[in-house]
């Protein structure tokens, strides 16, 4: 079979500028023009091709030549233009863990899933996680510009708490959920589910939180009627004054001041209230309690970052002073070493409220005990 006997319906010279792809027969004709008088550079210029492309064609053609294919046509078809992804796929077990983590925490994005897995000692890039999530229905959330907002954070646990109310409908019943969060750690210290939003309910939630975790130095709220009275001091404010908690009021019509608890309100709505069907207030309260426990103890928080490891901490790590201990365990896991599990939460949950913070004298020294840990204050 002679090369020139192959019929070409289109003008080859016109193809160079119109398209970059040629059939096997067209490639063979182009290569046949290369001889002593017509160099490979001249042919490449004539058809608007790269010299490297022609050399690759020649090499593939020679490799494919055989008795069945003396012209080497089988080596000239175009390679598939589909992206080669099979070699870059994550192991199936890793993809399954990514999806199970996303199922456990449906509100997490790719980078948050990355830190959740890193806490477990599993290294996966956010890009690979995004690919897996997108293939399974994840849709990127539109970012809202924050402008020149001033960020702030308390210096330690119980320095400042924030409190707010979120409301929604449970069937024909309007429901109000009061949430109270520690500003430094993002640890949820209190909540309540009610059918009315009254000052009595705000007082109830506050009393329970203080009895369980000790009192904060200050409490930040908006100017809602549950917390504040325009004409005189409200009963809620009198309570705070009696137990020496400073009441800080957010600027009117400026929800950004309560940014941390406002973000918490949206998260609990998007991830729990709007996703699950609750048949009663009791079932709703049980669901919220379980969600809060997971939020406090199991779920990494983007607002708490370590310079080296990123957002691998959960609110309980910060609130109960376990940051260094947890980071050491995470580093060990990432290095393939064995590390004991993060199993301290059951001990914390069972602490007597009186023992969460206490000061006592020991051999002439004052010691502060917080969540079962001793801290020396000063010598007498």
Protein backbone atom coordinates (compact mmCIF):
# COMPACT_ATOMS: atom_id res chain seq x y z
CA UNK A 1 0.00 0.00 0.00
CA UNK A 2 1.47 3.30 -1.10
CA UNK A 3 1.07 6.41 0.99
CA UNK A 4 -0.13 8.48 -1.95
CA UNK A 5 -2.99 6.06 -2.65
CA UNK A 6 -4.79 7.25 0.54
CA UNK A 7 -7.64 9.57 -0.40
CA UNK A 8 -8.02 12.82 1.52
CA UNK A 9 -11.24 14.72 0.96
CA UNK A 10 -10.11 18.01 2.45
CA UNK A 11 -7.19 20.30 1.68
CA UNK A 12 -4.42 19.56 4.15
CA UNK A 13 -2.75 22.94 3.80
CA UNK A 14 -5.97 24.66 4.83
CA UNK A 15 -6.23 22.61 7.99
CA UNK A 16 -3.13 23.95 9.61
CA UNK A 17 -4.75 27.23 10.59
CA UNK A 18 -8.27 25.93 11.09
CA UNK A 19 -7.59 23.04 13.43
CA UNK A 20 -4.77 21.30 15.24
CA UNK A 21 -6.05 17.70 14.87
CA UNK A 22 -5.47 15.40 11.90
CA UNK A 23 -6.64 11.88 11.11
CA UNK A 24 -4.17 8.98 10.94
CA UNK A 25 -4.17 9.10 7.10
CA UNK A 26 -3.53 12.85 7.09
CA UNK A 27 -0.65 12.47 9.52
CA UNK A 28 0.83 9.77 7.29
CA UNK A 29 0.69 12.01 4.22
CA UNK A 30 2.28 14.88 6.11
CA UNK A 31 5.12 12.66 7.32
CA UNK A 32 5.67 11.33 3.76
CA UNK A 33 6.64 14.84 2.65
CA UNK A 34 9.72 14.80 4.86
CA UNK A 35 12.75 13.87 2.73
CA UNK A 36 16.23 15.11 1.89
CA UNK A 37 14.90 18.17 0.07
CA UNK A 38 11.99 18.95 2.42
CA UNK A 39 13.11 19.12 6.03
CA UNK A 40 10.93 18.49 9.05
CA UNK A 41 11.07 22.20 9.88
CA UNK A 42 9.69 23.13 6.45
CA UNK A 43 6.82 20.62 6.76
CA UNK A 44 6.00 21.89 10.26
CA UNK A 45 5.82 25.48 9.00
CA UNK A 46 3.67 24.48 6.00
CA UNK A 47 1.00 22.88 8.19
CA UNK A 48 1.33 25.20 11.18
CA UNK A 49 2.60 22.41 13.41
CA UNK A 50 5.26 22.13 16.07
CA UNK A 51 8.42 20.24 15.11
CA UNK A 52 8.04 18.24 18.34
CA UNK A 53 4.61 17.02 17.24
CA UNK A 54 5.99 15.70 13.96
CA UNK A 55 8.81 13.91 15.77
CA UNK A 56 6.30 12.26 18.11
CA UNK A 57 4.22 11.10 15.10
CA UNK A 58 7.31 9.62 13.47
CA UNK A 59 8.30 7.78 16.63
CA UNK A 60 4.82 6.33 17.18
CA UNK A 61 4.54 5.29 13.54
CA UNK A 62 7.85 3.44 13.58
CA UNK A 63 6.92 1.67 16.83
CA UNK A 64 3.61 0.52 15.33
CA UNK A 65 5.03 -0.88 12.05
CA UNK A 66 4.53 -4.62 11.60
CA UNK A 67 3.62 -7.19 8.94
CA UNK A 68 -0.05 -6.49 9.55
CA UNK A 69 0.52 -2.70 9.57
CA UNK A 70 3.55 -1.90 7.38
CA UNK A 71 2.72 1.84 7.28
CA UNK A 72 2.34 2.16 11.07
CA UNK A 73 -1.14 3.73 10.87
CA UNK A 74 -2.16 2.18 14.21
CA UNK A 75 0.36 4.43 15.97
CA UNK A 76 -1.03 7.67 14.56
CA UNK A 77 -4.57 8.08 15.98
CA UNK A 78 -5.09 11.05 18.29
CA UNK A 79 -4.78 10.32 21.97
CA UNK A 80 -7.93 10.84 24.03
CA UNK A 81 -8.51 14.43 25.07
CA UNK A 82 -10.39 13.36 28.19
CA UNK A 83 -8.55 14.23 31.40
CA UNK A 84 -6.54 11.38 32.83
CA UNK A 85 -7.86 11.17 36.37
CA UNK A 86 -7.71 7.50 37.21
CA UNK A 87 -4.11 7.72 38.36
CA UNK A 88 -4.89 10.69 40.59
CA UNK A 89 -7.88 9.15 42.32
CA UNK A 90 -7.76 8.85 46.06
CA UNK A 91 -7.92 5.38 47.58
CA UNK A 92 -11.51 4.17 47.88
CA UNK A 93 -11.25 4.00 51.67
CA UNK A 94 -10.16 7.66 51.80
CA UNK A 95 -13.03 8.77 49.56
CA UNK A 96 -15.46 6.84 51.75
CA UNK A 97 -14.06 8.51 54.88
CA UNK A 98 -14.41 11.94 53.24
CA UNK A 99 -18.05 11.24 52.41
CA UNK A 100 -18.80 9.79 55.85
CA UNK A 101 -17.22 12.85 57.49
CA UNK A 102 -19.34 15.12 55.26
CA UNK A 103 -22.43 13.08 56.16
CA UNK A 104 -21.65 13.42 59.86
CA UNK A 105 -21.13 17.18 59.48
CA UNK A 106 -23.16 18.26 56.41
CA UNK A 107 -22.39 21.93 56.95
CA UNK A 108 -18.64 21.53 56.42
CA UNK A 109 -16.93 22.68 53.23
CA UNK A 110 -13.84 21.07 51.63
CA UNK A 111 -11.28 22.90 53.78
CA UNK A 112 -13.25 22.16 56.95
CA UNK A 113 -13.45 18.48 56.05
CA UNK A 114 -9.69 18.60 55.45
CA UNK A 115 -9.04 19.80 59.02
CA UNK A 116 -11.56 17.34 60.45
CA UNK A 117 -9.62 14.50 58.80
CA UNK A 118 -6.27 16.01 59.76
CA UNK A 119 -7.37 15.87 63.39
CA UNK A 120 -7.75 12.11 62.85
CA UNK A 121 -4.26 11.90 61.35
CA UNK A 122 -5.38 11.63 57.71
CA UNK A 123 -3.61 13.89 55.18
CA UNK A 124 -5.75 14.87 52.16
CA UNK A 125 -5.59 18.05 50.09
CA UNK A 126 -8.60 20.38 50.09
CA UNK A 127 -8.62 20.20 46.27
CA UNK A 128 -9.00 16.41 46.29
CA UNK A 129 -11.70 16.64 48.93
CA UNK A 130 -13.56 19.25 46.88
CA UNK A 131 -13.51 16.95 43.84
CA UNK A 132 -15.00 14.08 45.85
CA UNK A 133 -17.68 16.30 47.39
CA UNK A 134 -18.62 17.91 44.06
CA UNK A 135 -19.01 14.45 42.49
CA UNK A 136 -21.47 13.67 45.28
CA UNK A 137 -23.62 16.79 45.11
CA UNK A 138 -21.66 19.48 46.95
CA UNK A 139 -22.34 23.02 45.74
CA UNK A 140 -19.94 25.83 46.49
CA UNK A 141 -21.45 28.45 48.77
CA UNK A 142 -21.35 32.05 47.64
CA UNK A 143 -19.09 34.13 49.85
CA UNK A 144 -20.56 37.32 51.25
CA UNK A 145 -18.20 40.28 51.43
CA UNK A 146 -17.41 41.43 54.95
CA UNK A 147 -15.94 44.79 54.01
CA UNK A 148 -13.90 46.47 56.72
CA UNK A 149 -15.44 44.67 59.70
CA UNK A 150 -13.35 44.82 62.84
CA UNK A 151 -12.69 41.41 64.32
CA UNK A 152 -12.29 40.80 68.03
CA UNK A 153 -11.83 37.83 70.34
CA UNK A 154 -11.76 37.51 74.11
CA UNK A 155 -8.39 36.67 75.68
CA UNK A 156 -9.48 33.61 77.69
CA UNK A 157 -12.46 31.36 78.50
CA UNK A 158 -15.29 33.01 80.44
CA UNK A 159 -13.95 36.46 79.64
CA UNK A 160 -16.99 37.18 77.46
CA UNK A 161 -20.12 35.25 76.52
CA UNK A 162 -22.57 36.09 73.75
CA UNK A 163 -26.30 35.36 73.82
CA UNK A 164 -29.00 35.56 71.16
CA UNK A 165 -32.34 34.07 70.05
CA UNK A 166 -33.28 32.25 66.85
CA UNK A 167 -36.94 31.53 66.04
CA UNK A 168 -38.70 29.25 63.54
CA UNK A 169 -41.92 27.30 63.08
CA UNK A 170 -42.42 23.71 64.26
CA UNK A 171 -45.62 22.86 62.45
CA UNK A 172 -48.08 25.53 63.59
CA UNK A 173 -46.08 26.31 66.73
CA UNK A 174 -43.54 29.12 66.79
CA UNK A 175 -40.41 28.04 68.66
CA UNK A 176 -37.60 30.13 70.15
CA UNK A 177 -34.09 28.79 70.84
CA UNK A 178 -31.77 30.77 73.09
CA UNK A 179 -28.07 30.10 72.53
CA UNK A 180 -25.15 31.22 74.69
CA UNK A 181 -21.56 30.90 73.45
CA UNK A 182 -18.12 31.59 74.91
CA UNK A 183 -16.42 34.22 72.75
CA UNK A 184 -12.86 32.92 73.13
CA UNK A 185 -13.44 29.22 72.48
CA UNK A 186 -16.80 29.22 70.59
CA UNK A 187 -17.93 26.65 73.16
CA UNK A 188 -21.72 26.63 73.61
CA UNK A 189 -22.27 27.05 77.34
CA UNK A 190 -26.06 27.18 77.39
CA UNK A 191 -29.26 26.83 75.42
CA UNK A 192 -33.02 26.63 75.91
CA UNK A 193 -36.05 25.75 73.77
CA UNK A 194 -39.25 27.72 74.44
CA UNK A 195 -42.58 28.62 72.86
CA UNK A 196 -42.19 32.24 73.96
CA UNK A 197 -39.24 34.62 74.02
CA UNK A 198 -39.48 36.19 77.46
CA UNK A 199 -37.07 37.67 79.95
CA UNK A 200 -37.79 34.78 82.32
CA UNK A 201 -36.47 32.33 79.75
CA UNK A 202 -33.28 34.37 79.23
CA UNK A 203 -32.78 34.38 83.00
CA UNK A 204 -33.32 30.60 83.17
CA UNK A 205 -30.72 29.87 80.48
CA UNK A 206 -28.22 32.24 82.10
CA UNK A 207 -28.64 30.74 85.57
CA UNK A 208 -28.15 27.19 84.27
CA UNK A 209 -25.04 28.14 82.28
CA UNK A 210 -23.47 29.93 85.25
CA UNK A 211 -24.26 27.02 87.57
CA UNK A 212 -22.59 24.59 85.17
CA UNK A 213 -19.57 26.51 83.88
CA UNK A 214 -19.07 29.39 86.30
CA UNK A 215 -19.85 33.01 85.58
CA UNK A 216 -18.31 35.05 82.75
CA UNK A 217 -16.81 38.46 83.32
CA UNK A 218 -19.18 39.99 80.75
CA UNK A 219 -22.21 39.02 78.66
CA UNK A 220 -22.92 40.53 75.24
CA UNK A 221 -26.52 40.70 73.97
CA UNK A 222 -28.59 42.80 71.62
CA UNK A 223 -31.21 45.27 72.83
CA UNK A 224 -34.11 42.83 72.60
CA UNK A 225 -36.88 42.96 75.19
CA UNK A 226 -35.66 39.66 76.66
CA UNK A 227 -32.43 41.35 77.82
CA UNK A 228 -32.95 45.08 77.99
CA UNK A 229 -35.45 47.70 79.08
CA UNK A 230 -35.43 51.23 77.70
CA UNK A 231 -36.95 53.01 80.69
CA UNK A 232 -35.50 51.23 83.70
CA UNK A 233 -33.13 48.41 84.59
CA UNK A 234 -34.64 45.10 83.54
CA UNK A 235 -34.84 42.00 85.74
CA UNK A 236 -32.28 40.36 83.45
CA UNK A 237 -29.87 43.24 83.97
CA UNK A 238 -30.49 43.16 87.71
CA UNK A 239 -29.59 39.46 87.75
CA UNK A 240 -26.30 40.13 85.97
CA UNK A 241 -25.52 43.00 88.32
CA UNK A 242 -26.26 40.86 91.39
CA UNK A 243 -23.76 38.17 90.33
CA UNK A 244 -21.25 40.76 89.06
CA UNK A 245 -21.46 40.09 85.33
CA UNK A 246 -20.99 43.15 83.14
CA UNK A 247 -23.80 43.52 80.60
CA UNK A 248 -22.54 44.77 77.21
CA UNK A 249 -25.15 45.87 74.69
CA UNK A 250 -24.53 45.51 70.98
CA UNK A 251 -24.85 48.59 68.83
CA UNK A 252 -28.39 49.07 67.56
CA UNK A 253 -29.09 47.66 64.06
CA UNK A 254 -25.58 46.17 63.90
CA UNK A 255 -25.80 42.33 64.08
CA UNK A 256 -22.09 42.02 63.24
CA UNK A 257 -21.28 42.87 66.88
CA UNK A 258 -22.82 39.52 67.82
CA UNK A 259 -21.10 37.85 64.89
CA UNK A 260 -20.11 34.60 66.61
CA UNK A 261 -23.53 33.76 68.01
CA UNK A 262 -25.25 35.03 64.84
CA UNK A 263 -23.11 32.62 62.80
CA UNK A 264 -24.07 29.87 65.25
CA UNK A 265 -27.77 30.69 64.73
CA UNK A 266 -27.43 30.25 60.96
CA UNK A 267 -25.42 27.07 61.31
CA UNK A 268 -27.90 25.31 63.59
CA UNK A 269 -30.75 26.29 61.27
CA UNK A 270 -29.00 25.14 58.08
CA UNK A 271 -27.62 21.91 59.50
CA UNK A 272 -30.32 20.75 61.89
CA UNK A 273 -33.60 22.63 62.01
CA UNK A 274 -34.11 22.84 58.24
CA UNK A 275 -32.75 19.34 57.57
CA UNK A 276 -34.70 17.22 60.07
CA UNK A 277 -38.39 16.84 60.83
CA UNK A 278 -39.17 17.05 64.54
CA UNK A 279 -42.54 15.85 65.79
CA UNK A 280 -42.47 17.52 69.20
CA UNK A 281 -40.64 20.05 71.34
CA UNK A 282 -39.10 17.21 73.35
CA UNK A 283 -37.71 15.61 70.18
CA UNK A 284 -36.45 19.02 69.02
CA UNK A 285 -34.67 19.67 72.32
CA UNK A 286 -33.03 16.23 72.20
CA UNK A 287 -31.86 16.89 68.63
CA UNK A 288 -30.42 20.29 69.57
CA UNK A 289 -28.67 18.86 72.61
CA UNK A 290 -27.00 16.16 70.50
CA UNK A 291 -26.02 18.70 67.83
CA UNK A 292 -24.49 21.01 70.45
CA UNK A 293 -22.47 18.18 71.98
CA UNK A 294 -21.08 17.29 68.55
CA UNK A 295 -20.36 20.98 67.84
CA UNK A 296 -18.53 21.43 71.13
CA UNK A 297 -16.52 18.20 71.27
CA UNK A 298 -16.18 16.60 67.84
CA UNK A 299 -16.31 19.19 65.11
CA UNK A 300 -13.28 21.29 64.18
CA UNK A 301 -13.90 25.03 64.08
CA UNK A 302 -12.60 27.33 61.34
CA UNK A 303 -12.35 30.23 63.76
CA UNK A 304 -9.77 28.43 65.93
CA UNK A 305 -6.51 28.07 64.02
CA UNK A 306 -3.10 26.78 64.94
CA UNK A 307 -0.31 28.44 62.89
CA UNK A 308 1.20 25.06 61.99
CA UNK A 309 -1.70 22.60 61.77
CA UNK A 310 -4.57 24.92 60.89
CA UNK A 311 -8.13 24.49 62.17
CA UNK A 312 -7.82 21.07 63.83
CA UNK A 313 -9.22 22.14 67.20
CA UNK A 314 -12.76 21.86 68.51
CA UNK A 315 -14.31 24.45 70.90
CA UNK A 316 -13.92 22.14 73.91
CA UNK A 317 -10.15 22.00 73.35
CA UNK A 318 -9.90 25.72 73.91
CA UNK A 319 -12.53 26.09 76.60
CA UNK A 320 -11.10 23.35 78.82
CA UNK A 321 -7.44 24.26 78.27
CA UNK A 322 -6.47 21.14 76.29
CA UNK A 323 -5.01 22.87 73.21
CA UNK A 324 -1.37 21.80 73.57
CA UNK A 325 -2.32 18.27 74.57
CA UNK A 326 -4.59 17.84 71.54
CA UNK A 327 -2.11 19.42 69.10
CA UNK A 328 0.58 17.02 70.31
CA UNK A 329 -1.74 14.08 69.63
CA UNK A 330 -2.60 15.39 66.16
CA UNK A 331 1.10 15.80 65.29
CA UNK A 332 1.77 12.25 66.49
CA UNK A 333 -1.05 10.86 64.36
CA UNK A 334 0.15 12.71 61.27
CA UNK A 335 3.60 11.22 61.82
CA UNK A 336 2.12 7.73 61.96
CA UNK A 337 2.61 7.34 65.70
CA UNK A 338 0.08 5.98 68.13
CA UNK A 339 -1.82 8.53 70.18
CA UNK A 340 -4.49 8.06 72.82
CA UNK A 341 -8.00 9.09 71.72
CA UNK A 342 -9.62 12.39 72.64
CA UNK A 343 -11.72 10.79 75.36
CA UNK A 344 -11.66 13.50 78.02
CA UNK A 345 -15.14 14.86 77.21
CA UNK A 346 -16.99 12.28 79.32
CA UNK A 347 -15.00 13.32 82.37
CA UNK A 348 -15.74 16.98 81.73
CA UNK A 349 -19.45 16.38 81.20
CA UNK A 350 -19.66 14.54 84.54
CA UNK A 351 -17.86 17.19 86.57
CA UNK A 352 -19.68 18.62 89.54
CA UNK A 353 -20.51 22.26 88.65
CA UNK A 354 -18.93 23.37 91.93
CA UNK A 355 -15.64 21.73 90.94
CA UNK A 356 -15.35 23.38 87.53
CA UNK A 357 -13.62 26.38 89.12
CA UNK A 358 -12.48 26.69 92.70
CA UNK A 359 -9.66 28.34 94.65
CA UNK A 360 -8.04 26.61 97.64
CA UNK A 361 -4.95 26.88 99.83
CA UNK A 362 -2.32 24.14 99.80
CA UNK A 363 0.75 24.40 102.04
CA UNK A 364 0.68 28.17 102.08
CA UNK A 365 0.07 28.52 98.32
CA UNK A 366 -3.14 29.58 96.65
CA UNK A 367 -4.16 27.23 93.85
CA UNK A 368 -6.87 27.61 91.23
CA UNK A 369 -8.57 24.45 90.03
CA UNK A 370 -10.28 24.58 86.63
CA UNK A 371 -11.96 21.46 85.21
CA UNK A 372 -9.90 19.21 87.45
CA UNK A 373 -6.55 20.86 86.65
CA UNK A 374 -4.44 22.73 89.16
CA UNK A 375 -2.87 26.14 88.52
CA UNK A 376 -0.64 27.89 91.08
CA UNK A 377 -1.51 31.53 91.66
CA UNK A 378 0.93 32.99 94.19
CA UNK A 379 2.80 32.26 97.39
CA UNK A 380 1.75 33.70 100.72
